[in-house]
Amino acid sequence: MLTFPRLAGAAVFAVPFLAVPLFAVPLALAALFASQPAQAQTAFPDHFVGEVGGAAYLKSGIVKGDATSTLALPYVYGDYGRFFGRIDTFGVKTLAMGWGHLELVGRVNTEGFRTDTVALRGLSDRRNPVPLGVGTFQRTPIGGFFFYAMHDVTSGGMLAEATWGTKLEAGWATFYPLVSLEYRSSAYVNYLYGVTPGESAASGYAAYSPGASVVPLVGLAASVPIAGDWALQLQLRHRWFDSAITNSPIVSARTQQTGNIAITYEFK
């Protein structure tokens, strides 16, 4: 059976969602997979099945004065009944759909940043986004597909994303390459990287109000056995930002690297 751990929370497929209201996304996804034979899981585990551990999450800064940061958090990838955790994306499986289910999801997002540095003095702190919405994981014969469309409670903006990944066995390790696109609405981008007239006056940066953004991403994860049910999990992702983000006067990078290093125990 194909499995695709460590691929969640990667990025977004913009086109299907650009002009579609959020409530219509489940219908679009249902239509996409309606022609496929029903392959969705029908029995759900009565205990947790998957991997739990501790991880260090790394992120390179993209705004001025924001260096590479490291954050220690729990690592969860698995299922308990209809509930699931996928590293930074958590939710519940509802209706069967194609090779998966329609899912209600929430995302742990750390894109926010503090502005108590010399470079960002005069700007307000950007709180972490809180994306909530719908999605699906489709475990197909040609790989795993993740589709998500979420409303961000913090900015009032929207995220829409799709990721494809596959599994490659290499004897001593298992590798999971992925590719993805991410769509961020103008409200989402403006909250994080825009500069209001008031902030412009206080900071000296030019006022900036960006539009929507489409961000491609590639990544590679690896699972390396240690002993018994213990394993080392590694992941690295690379994003390329478009002009909606890089034209911001507070942004200092055109790309970003994120990743994690985790020690996990597998429950079966």
C-alpha atoms as a PDB file:
ATOM      1  CA  MET A   1       0.000   0.000   0.000  1.00  0.00           C
ATOM      2  CA  LEU A   2       1.362   3.395  -0.938  1.00  0.00           C
ATOM      3  CA  THR A   3       1.852   5.821   1.902  1.00  0.00           C
ATOM      4  CA  PHE A   4       2.973   9.430   1.746  1.00  0.00           C
ATOM      5  CA  PRO A   5       3.953  10.660   5.227  1.00  0.00           C
ATOM      6  CA  ARG A   6       5.867  13.917   5.623  1.00  0.00           C
ATOM      7  CA  LEU A   7       4.304  15.540   2.540  1.00  0.00           C
ATOM      8  CA  ALA A   8       1.616  17.636   4.202  1.00  0.00           C
ATOM      9  CA  GLY A   9       1.443  21.385   4.392  1.00  0.00           C
ATOM     10  CA  ALA A  10       3.579  21.996   1.372  1.00  0.00           C
ATOM     11  CA  ALA A  11       1.875  24.345  -1.059  1.00  0.00           C
ATOM     12  CA  VAL A  12      -0.968  25.227  -3.393  1.00  0.00           C
ATOM     13  CA  PHE A  13      -2.540  24.705  -6.805  1.00  0.00           C
ATOM     14  CA  ALA A  14      -3.934  28.098  -7.650  1.00  0.00           C
ATOM     15  CA  VAL A  15      -5.901  27.822 -10.874  1.00  0.00           C
ATOM     16  CA  PRO A  16      -8.966  25.810  -9.764  1.00  0.00           C
ATOM     17  CA  PHE A  17      -9.630  28.178  -6.889  1.00  0.00           C
ATOM     18  CA  LEU A  18      -8.801  31.653  -8.177  1.00  0.00           C
ATOM     19  CA  ALA A  19     -12.318  32.644  -9.147  1.00  0.00           C
ATOM     20  CA  VAL A  20     -14.265  30.091  -7.087  1.00  0.00           C
ATOM     21  CA  PRO A  21     -15.877  30.960  -3.731  1.00  0.00           C
ATOM     22  CA  LEU A  22     -14.538  28.902  -0.835  1.00  0.00           C
ATOM     23  CA  PHE A  23     -17.848  27.077  -0.326  1.00  0.00           C
ATOM     24  CA  ALA A  24     -17.712  25.832  -3.944  1.00  0.00           C
ATOM     25  CA  VAL A  25     -14.339  24.115  -3.583  1.00  0.00           C
ATOM     26  CA  PRO A  26     -15.756  20.844  -2.178  1.00  0.00           C
ATOM     27  CA  LEU A  27     -18.038  20.618  -5.229  1.00  0.00           C
ATOM     28  CA  ALA A  28     -15.105  21.192  -7.574  1.00  0.00           C
ATOM     29  CA  LEU A  29     -13.048  18.509  -5.854  1.00  0.00           C
ATOM     30  CA  ALA A  30     -15.991  16.099  -5.861  1.00  0.00           C
ATOM     31  CA  ALA A  31     -16.431  16.614  -9.609  1.00  0.00           C
ATOM     32  CA  LEU A  32     -12.705  16.070 -10.184  1.00  0.00           C
ATOM     33  CA  PHE A  33     -12.761  12.598  -8.635  1.00  0.00           C
ATOM     34  CA  ALA A  34     -16.384  11.594  -9.290  1.00  0.00           C
ATOM     35  CA  SER A  35     -15.394   9.568 -12.364  1.00  0.00           C
ATOM     36  CA  GLN A  36     -12.889   7.509 -10.399  1.00  0.00           C
ATOM     37  CA  PRO A  37     -13.805   4.141  -8.840  1.00  0.00           C
ATOM     38  CA  ALA A  38     -14.478   4.313  -5.111  1.00  0.00           C
ATOM     39  CA  GLN A  39     -11.140   3.472  -3.449  1.00  0.00           C
ATOM     40  CA  ALA A  40     -11.557   5.429  -0.217  1.00  0.00           C
ATOM     41  CA  GLN A  41     -10.823   3.850   3.145  1.00  0.00           C
ATOM     42  CA  THR A  42     -14.041   2.487   4.681  1.00  0.00           C
ATOM     43  CA  ALA A  43     -12.728   1.154   8.002  1.00  0.00           C
ATOM     44  CA  PHE A  44     -11.019   3.508  10.444  1.00  0.00           C
ATOM     45  CA  PRO A  45      -8.572   2.470  13.201  1.00  0.00           C
ATOM     46  CA  ASP A  46      -9.858   2.394  16.781  1.00  0.00           C
ATOM     47  CA  HIS A  47      -6.399   3.367  18.036  1.00  0.00           C
ATOM     48  CA  PHE A  48      -3.679   5.722  16.830  1.00  0.00           C
ATOM     49  CA  VAL A  49      -1.756   4.410  13.822  1.00  0.00           C
ATOM     50  CA  GLY A  50       1.233   6.423  12.656  1.00  0.00           C
ATOM     51  CA  GLU A  51       4.284   8.274  13.906  1.00  0.00           C
ATOM     52  CA  VAL A  52       4.746  10.498  16.967  1.00  0.00           C
ATOM     53  CA  GLY A  53       7.878  12.242  18.134  1.00  0.00           C
ATOM     54  CA  GLY A  54       9.683  15.501  18.626  1.00  0.00           C
ATOM     55  CA  ALA A  55      11.038  17.766  15.902  1.00  0.00           C
ATOM     56  CA  ALA A  56      13.074  20.865  15.234  1.00  0.00           C
ATOM     57  CA  TYR A  57      11.454  23.013  12.538  1.00  0.00           C
ATOM     58  CA  LEU A  58      13.751  25.353  10.619  1.00  0.00           C
ATOM     59  CA  LYS A  59      12.768  28.386   8.525  1.00  0.00           C
ATOM     60  CA  SER A  60      14.906  30.951   6.723  1.00  0.00           C
ATOM     61  CA  GLY A  61      13.713  34.523   7.208  1.00  0.00           C
ATOM     62  CA  ILE A  62      12.544  36.572   4.247  1.00  0.00           C
ATOM     63  CA  VAL A  63      11.861  39.961   5.842  1.00  0.00           C
ATOM     64  CA  LYS A  64      14.559  42.421   6.793  1.00  0.00           C
ATOM     65  CA  GLY A  65      16.182  41.669  10.130  1.00  0.00           C
ATOM     66  CA  ASP A  66      14.550  38.243  10.377  1.00  0.00           C
ATOM     67  CA  ALA A  67      17.225  35.541  10.501  1.00  0.00           C
ATOM     68  CA  THR A  68      16.834  31.780  10.211  1.00  0.00           C
ATOM     69  CA  SER A  69      14.724  30.484  13.092  1.00  0.00           C
ATOM     70  CA  THR A  70      14.380  27.103  14.797  1.00  0.00           C
ATOM     71  CA  LEU A  71      11.270  25.961  16.658  1.00  0.00           C
ATOM     72  CA  ALA A  72      10.864  22.772  18.714  1.00  0.00           C
ATOM     73  CA  LEU A  73       7.392  21.194  18.450  1.00  0.00           C
ATOM     74  CA  PRO A  74       5.762  17.756  18.568  1.00  0.00           C
ATOM     75  CA  TYR A  75       5.703  15.694  15.372  1.00  0.00           C
ATOM     76  CA  VAL A  76       2.527  13.793  14.479  1.00  0.00           C
ATOM     77  CA  TYR A  77       1.686  11.898  11.308  1.00  0.00           C
ATOM     78  CA  GLY A  78      -1.104   9.366  11.619  1.00  0.00           C
ATOM     79  CA  ASP A  79      -4.778   8.524  12.053  1.00  0.00           C
ATOM     80  CA  TYR A  80      -7.128   7.859  14.957  1.00  0.00           C
ATOM     81  CA  GLY A  81     -10.538   6.922  13.633  1.00  0.00           C
ATOM     82  CA  ARG A  82     -11.545   9.660  11.216  1.00  0.00           C
ATOM     83  CA  PHE A  83      -9.157  12.148  12.822  1.00  0.00           C
ATOM     84  CA  PHE A  84      -5.682  12.704  11.361  1.00  0.00           C
ATOM     85  CA  GLY A  85      -2.503  14.690  11.853  1.00  0.00           C
ATOM     86  CA  ARG A  86      -0.068  15.432   9.006  1.00  0.00           C
ATOM     87  CA  ILE A  87       2.828  17.318  10.586  1.00  0.00           C
ATOM     88  CA  ASP A  88       1.278  20.814  10.382  1.00  0.00           C
ATOM     89  CA  THR A  89      -2.198  19.978   9.047  1.00  0.00           C
ATOM     90  CA  PHE A  90      -4.884  18.432  11.249  1.00  0.00           C
ATOM     91  CA  GLY A  91      -8.477  17.502  10.593  1.00  0.00           C
ATOM     92  CA  VAL A  92     -11.242  14.965  10.209  1.00  0.00           C
ATOM     93  CA  LYS A  93     -12.231  12.790   7.235  1.00  0.00           C
ATOM     94  CA  THR A  94     -15.904  13.091   6.240  1.00  0.00           C
ATOM     95  CA  LEU A  95     -17.486  11.904   2.968  1.00  0.00           C
ATOM     96  CA  ALA A  96     -15.708   9.313   0.821  1.00  0.00           C
ATOM     97  CA  MET A  97     -14.474  10.883  -2.428  1.00  0.00           C
ATOM     98  CA  GLY A  98     -12.443   9.133  -5.122  1.00  0.00           C
ATOM     99  CA  TRP A  99      -9.321   7.623  -3.524  1.00  0.00           C
ATOM    100  CA  GLY A 100      -9.799   9.610  -0.326  1.00  0.00           C
ATOM    101  CA  HIS A 101     -12.262  11.732   1.627  1.00  0.00           C
ATOM    102  CA  LEU A 102     -13.539  15.255   1.863  1.00  0.00           C
ATOM    103  CA  GLU A 103     -11.708  16.644   4.878  1.00  0.00           C
ATOM    104  CA  LEU A 104     -12.219  19.513   7.315  1.00  0.00           C
ATOM    105  CA  VAL A 105      -8.761  20.873   8.076  1.00  0.00           C
ATOM    106  CA  GLY A 106      -6.740  23.378  10.073  1.00  0.00           C
ATOM    107  CA  ARG A 107      -3.106  24.362   9.607  1.00  0.00           C
ATOM    108  CA  VAL A 108      -0.341  25.260  12.074  1.00  0.00           C
ATOM    109  CA  ASN A 109       1.273  28.239  10.332  1.00  0.00           C
ATOM    110  CA  THR A 110       4.396  30.112  11.482  1.00  0.00           C
ATOM    111  CA  GLU A 111       4.666  32.787   8.781  1.00  0.00           C
ATOM    112  CA  GLY A 112       4.046  35.589  11.258  1.00  0.00           C
ATOM    113  CA  PHE A 113       6.920  37.623  12.649  1.00  0.00           C
ATOM    114  CA  ARG A 114       7.729  40.186  15.297  1.00  0.00           C
ATOM    115  CA  THR A 115       8.835  43.676  14.353  1.00  0.00           C
ATOM    116  CA  ASP A 116      10.878  44.532  17.460  1.00  0.00           C
ATOM    117  CA  THR A 117      14.062  44.897  15.418  1.00  0.00           C
ATOM    118  CA  VAL A 118      15.826  47.984  14.106  1.00  0.00           C
ATOM    119  CA  ALA A 119      15.047  47.016  10.508  1.00  0.00           C
ATOM    120  CA  LEU A 120      11.285  46.759  11.133  1.00  0.00           C
ATOM    121  CA  ARG A 121      10.809  49.521  13.691  1.00  0.00           C
ATOM    122  CA  GLY A 122       7.535  51.368  13.144  1.00  0.00           C
ATOM    123  CA  LEU A 123       5.669  48.342  11.786  1.00  0.00           C
ATOM    124  CA  SER A 124       3.098  46.253  13.632  1.00  0.00           C
ATOM    125  CA  ASP A 125       3.753  42.634  14.547  1.00  0.00           C
ATOM    126  CA  ARG A 126       2.355  40.086  12.091  1.00  0.00           C
ATOM    127  CA  ARG A 127       0.554  37.366  14.031  1.00  0.00           C
ATOM    128  CA  ASN A 128       0.698  33.823  12.698  1.00  0.00           C
ATOM    129  CA  PRO A 129      -2.049  33.003  10.179  1.00  0.00           C
ATOM    130  CA  VAL A 130      -4.772  30.563  11.293  1.00  0.00           C
ATOM    131  CA  PRO A 131      -5.955  28.763   8.115  1.00  0.00           C
ATOM    132  CA  LEU A 132      -9.179  26.708   8.375  1.00  0.00           C
ATOM    133  CA  GLY A 133     -11.009  25.058   5.503  1.00  0.00           C
ATOM    134  CA  VAL A 134     -11.559  21.948   3.439  1.00  0.00           C
ATOM    135  CA  GLY A 135      -9.370  19.550   1.510  1.00  0.00           C
ATOM    136  CA  THR A 136      -8.691  16.007   0.433  1.00  0.00           C
ATOM    137  CA  PHE A 137      -5.834  13.518   0.260  1.00  0.00           C
ATOM    138  CA  GLN A 138      -6.085  11.275  -2.803  1.00  0.00           C
ATOM    139  CA  ARG A 139      -3.931   8.132  -2.640  1.00  0.00           C
ATOM    140  CA  THR A 140      -3.811   7.268  -6.367  1.00  0.00           C
ATOM    141  CA  PRO A 141      -1.853   4.734  -8.456  1.00  0.00           C
ATOM    142  CA  ILE A 142       0.414   7.538  -9.698  1.00  0.00           C
ATOM    143  CA  GLY A 143       1.141   9.153  -6.344  1.00  0.00           C
ATOM    144  CA  GLY A 144      -0.468  11.083  -3.532  1.00  0.00           C
ATOM    145  CA  PHE A 145      -2.340  14.333  -4.184  1.00  0.00           C
ATOM    146  CA  PHE A 146      -3.177  16.851  -1.457  1.00  0.00           C
ATOM    147  CA  PHE A 147      -5.707  19.623  -2.195  1.00  0.00           C
ATOM    148  CA  TYR A 148      -6.585  22.304   0.366  1.00  0.00           C
ATOM    149  CA  ALA A 149      -8.603  25.532   0.305  1.00  0.00           C
ATOM    150  CA  MET A 150      -8.569  27.529   3.526  1.00  0.00           C
ATOM    151  CA  HIS A 151      -9.736  30.828   4.958  1.00  0.00           C
ATOM    152  CA  ASP A 152      -7.198  32.572   7.172  1.00  0.00           C
ATOM    153  CA  VAL A 153      -8.824  33.833  10.368  1.00  0.00           C
ATOM    154  CA  THR A 154      -5.963  36.265  11.072  1.00  0.00           C
ATOM    155  CA  SER A 155      -5.841  38.197   7.783  1.00  0.00           C
ATOM    156  CA  GLY A 156      -9.277  37.432   6.350  1.00  0.00           C
ATOM    157  CA  GLY A 157      -7.465  36.134   3.255  1.00  0.00           C
ATOM    158  CA  MET A 158      -7.428  32.767   1.538  1.00  0.00           C
ATOM    159  CA  LEU A 159      -4.960  29.972   0.857  1.00  0.00           C
ATOM    160  CA  ALA A 160      -5.493  27.349  -1.831  1.00  0.00           C
ATOM    161  CA  GLU A 161      -2.991  24.613  -2.480  1.00  0.00           C
ATOM    162  CA  ALA A 162      -2.207  21.316  -4.165  1.00  0.00           C
ATOM    163  CA  THR A 163       0.751  18.997  -3.759  1.00  0.00           C
ATOM    164  CA  TRP A 164       1.835  15.840  -5.547  1.00  0.00           C
ATOM    165  CA  GLY A 165       4.273  13.427  -3.985  1.00  0.00           C
ATOM    166  CA  THR A 166       5.496   9.894  -4.447  1.00  0.00           C
ATOM    167  CA  LYS A 167       7.469   7.263  -2.561  1.00  0.00           C
ATOM    168  CA  LEU A 168      10.923   5.910  -3.537  1.00  0.00           C
ATOM    169  CA  GLU A 169      12.556   3.014  -1.692  1.00  0.00           C
ATOM    170  CA  ALA A 170      16.364   3.098  -1.500  1.00  0.00           C
ATOM    171  CA  GLY A 171      17.203   0.219   0.866  1.00  0.00           C
ATOM    172  CA  TRP A 172      18.628   2.225   3.756  1.00  0.00           C
ATOM    173  CA  ALA A 173      15.968   4.954   3.533  1.00  0.00           C
ATOM    174  CA  THR A 174      12.637   5.867   2.000  1.00  0.00           C
ATOM    175  CA  PHE A 175      12.430   9.131   0.034  1.00  0.00           C
ATOM    176  CA  TYR A 176       9.373  11.284  -0.688  1.00  0.00           C
ATOM    177  CA  PRO A 177       9.911  13.922  -3.436  1.00  0.00           C
ATOM    178  CA  LEU A 178       7.144  16.485  -3.918  1.00  0.00           C
ATOM    179  CA  VAL A 179       6.132  19.419  -6.097  1.00  0.00           C
ATOM    180  CA  SER A 180       3.512  22.024  -5.280  1.00  0.00           C
ATOM    181  CA  LEU A 181       1.963  25.396  -6.023  1.00  0.00           C
ATOM    182  CA  GLU A 182       0.477  27.798  -3.522  1.00  0.00           C
ATOM    183  CA  TYR A 183      -2.068  30.558  -4.087  1.00  0.00           C
ATOM    184  CA  ARG A 184      -2.334  33.347  -1.500  1.00  0.00           C
ATOM    185  CA  SER A 185      -5.033  35.986  -1.842  1.00  0.00           C
ATOM    186  CA  SER A 186      -4.187  39.692  -1.803  1.00  0.00           C
ATOM    187  CA  ALA A 187      -5.592  40.057   1.739  1.00  0.00           C
ATOM    188  CA  TYR A 188      -3.293  37.290   2.980  1.00  0.00           C
ATOM    189  CA  VAL A 189      -0.183  38.703   1.268  1.00  0.00           C
ATOM    190  CA  ASN A 190      -1.030  42.270   2.272  1.00  0.00           C
ATOM    191  CA  TYR A 191      -1.379  41.340   5.942  1.00  0.00           C
ATOM    192  CA  LEU A 192       2.089  39.782   6.075  1.00  0.00           C
ATOM    193  CA  TYR A 193       4.094  41.923   3.649  1.00  0.00           C
ATOM    194  CA  GLY A 194       2.109  45.069   2.988  1.00  0.00           C
ATOM    195  CA  VAL A 195       2.956  48.446   4.511  1.00  0.00           C
ATOM    196  CA  THR A 196       0.066  50.703   5.549  1.00  0.00           C
ATOM    197  CA  PRO A 197       0.283  54.507   5.215  1.00  0.00           C
ATOM    198  CA  GLY A 198       0.540  54.740   9.006  1.00  0.00           C
ATOM    199  CA  GLU A 199       3.387  52.228   9.103  1.00  0.00           C
ATOM    200  CA  SER A 200       5.068  54.068   6.235  1.00  0.00           C
ATOM    201  CA  ALA A 201       5.057  57.312   8.186  1.00  0.00           C
ATOM    202  CA  ALA A 202       6.414  55.594  11.315  1.00  0.00           C
ATOM    203  CA  SER A 203       9.041  53.421   9.642  1.00  0.00           C
ATOM    204  CA  GLY A 204      10.186  55.330   6.573  1.00  0.00           C
ATOM    205  CA  TYR A 205       9.307  52.442   4.237  1.00  0.00           C
ATOM    206  CA  ALA A 206       7.152  53.227   1.221  1.00  0.00           C
ATOM    207  CA  ALA A 207       3.512  52.249   1.548  1.00  0.00           C
ATOM    208  CA  TYR A 208       2.820  48.962  -0.215  1.00  0.00           C
ATOM    209  CA  SER A 209      -0.419  47.107  -0.978  1.00  0.00           C
ATOM    210  CA  PRO A 210       0.298  43.878  -2.916  1.00  0.00           C
ATOM    211  CA  GLY A 211      -2.001  41.699  -4.953  1.00  0.00           C
ATOM    212  CA  ALA A 212      -2.404  37.934  -4.851  1.00  0.00           C
ATOM    213  CA  SER A 213       0.594  35.623  -5.074  1.00  0.00           C
ATOM    214  CA  VAL A 214       1.341  32.233  -6.657  1.00  0.00           C
ATOM    215  CA  VAL A 215       4.324  30.421  -5.144  1.00  0.00           C
ATOM    216  CA  PRO A 216       5.905  27.193  -6.500  1.00  0.00           C
ATOM    217  CA  LEU A 217       7.628  24.762  -4.173  1.00  0.00           C
ATOM    218  CA  VAL A 218       9.732  21.613  -4.401  1.00  0.00           C
ATOM    219  CA  GLY A 219      10.676  19.372  -1.529  1.00  0.00           C
ATOM    220  CA  LEU A 220      12.281  16.136  -0.470  1.00  0.00           C
ATOM    221  CA  ALA A 221      11.562  14.104   2.661  1.00  0.00           C
ATOM    222  CA  ALA A 222      13.366  11.016   3.916  1.00  0.00           C
ATOM    223  CA  SER A 223      12.632   8.403   6.557  1.00  0.00           C
ATOM    224  CA  VAL A 224      15.714   6.621   7.941  1.00  0.00           C
ATOM    225  CA  PRO A 225      15.219   3.637  10.293  1.00  0.00           C
ATOM    226  CA  ILE A 226      17.151   3.801  13.569  1.00  0.00           C
ATOM    227  CA  ALA A 227      16.140   0.743  15.577  1.00  0.00           C
ATOM    228  CA  GLY A 228      12.878  -1.168  15.827  1.00  0.00           C
ATOM    229  CA  ASP A 229       9.989   1.276  15.412  1.00  0.00           C
ATOM    230  CA  TRP A 230      12.219   4.348  15.868  1.00  0.00           C
ATOM    231  CA  ALA A 231      13.174   6.452  12.847  1.00  0.00           C
ATOM    232  CA  LEU A 232      14.786   9.706  11.801  1.00  0.00           C
ATOM    233  CA  GLN A 233      12.538  11.942   9.666  1.00  0.00           C
ATOM    234  CA  LEU A 234      14.076  14.643   7.482  1.00  0.00           C
ATOM    235  CA  GLN A 235      12.444  17.187   5.198  1.00  0.00           C
ATOM    236  CA  LEU A 236      13.610  20.167   3.143  1.00  0.00           C
ATOM    237  CA  ARG A 237      11.396  22.503   1.069  1.00  0.00           C
ATOM    238  CA  HIS A 238      12.347  25.353  -1.250  1.00  0.00           C
ATOM    239  CA  ARG A 239       9.925  28.146  -2.265  1.00  0.00           C
ATOM    240  CA  TRP A 240      10.267  30.764  -4.996  1.00  0.00           C
ATOM    241  CA  PHE A 241       8.358  34.003  -4.328  1.00  0.00           C
ATOM    242  CA  ASP A 242       6.793  36.129  -7.056  1.00  0.00           C
ATOM    243  CA  SER A 243       6.812  39.914  -7.361  1.00  0.00           C
ATOM    244  CA  ALA A 244       3.729  40.399  -5.170  1.00  0.00           C
ATOM    245  CA  ILE A 245       5.939  39.403  -2.238  1.00  0.00           C
ATOM    246  CA  THR A 246       9.456  40.350  -3.369  1.00  0.00           C
ATOM    247  CA  ASN A 247       8.424  43.916  -4.306  1.00  0.00           C
ATOM    248  CA  SER A 248       7.525  44.596  -0.686  1.00  0.00           C
ATOM    249  CA  PRO A 249       9.977  47.092   0.840  1.00  0.00           C
ATOM    250  CA  ILE A 250      10.286  44.900   3.968  1.00  0.00           C
ATOM    251  CA  VAL A 251      11.151  41.692   2.091  1.00  0.00           C
ATOM    252  CA  SER A 252      14.833  40.877   1.586  1.00  0.00           C
ATOM    253  CA  ALA A 253      14.778  37.412  -0.058  1.00  0.00           C
ATOM    254  CA  ARG A 254      13.381  35.897  -3.239  1.00  0.00           C
ATOM    255  CA  THR A 255      13.378  32.314  -1.963  1.00  0.00           C
ATOM    256  CA  GLN A 256      12.838  30.505   1.317  1.00  0.00           C
ATOM    257  CA  GLN A 257      14.018  27.212   2.754  1.00  0.00           C
ATOM    258  CA  THR A 258      12.044  25.366   5.410  1.00  0.00           C
ATOM    259  CA  GLY A 259      12.474  21.929   6.882  1.00  0.00           C
ATOM    260  CA  ASN A 260      12.381  19.695   9.898  1.00  0.00           C
ATOM    261  CA  ILE A 261      14.406  17.045  11.689  1.00  0.00           C
ATOM    262  CA  ALA A 262      12.445  14.610  13.854  1.00  0.00           C
ATOM    263  CA  ILE A 263      12.907  11.463  15.905  1.00  0.00           C
ATOM    264  CA  THR A 264       9.705   9.404  15.804  1.00  0.00           C
ATOM    265  CA  TYR A 265       8.165   6.191  17.106  1.00  0.00           C
ATOM    266  CA  GLU A 266       5.704   4.288  14.906  1.00  0.00           C
ATOM    267  CA  PHE A 267       2.451   2.997  16.411  1.00  0.00           C
ATOM    268  CA  LYS A 268       0.859   0.137  14.453  1.00  0.00           C
END
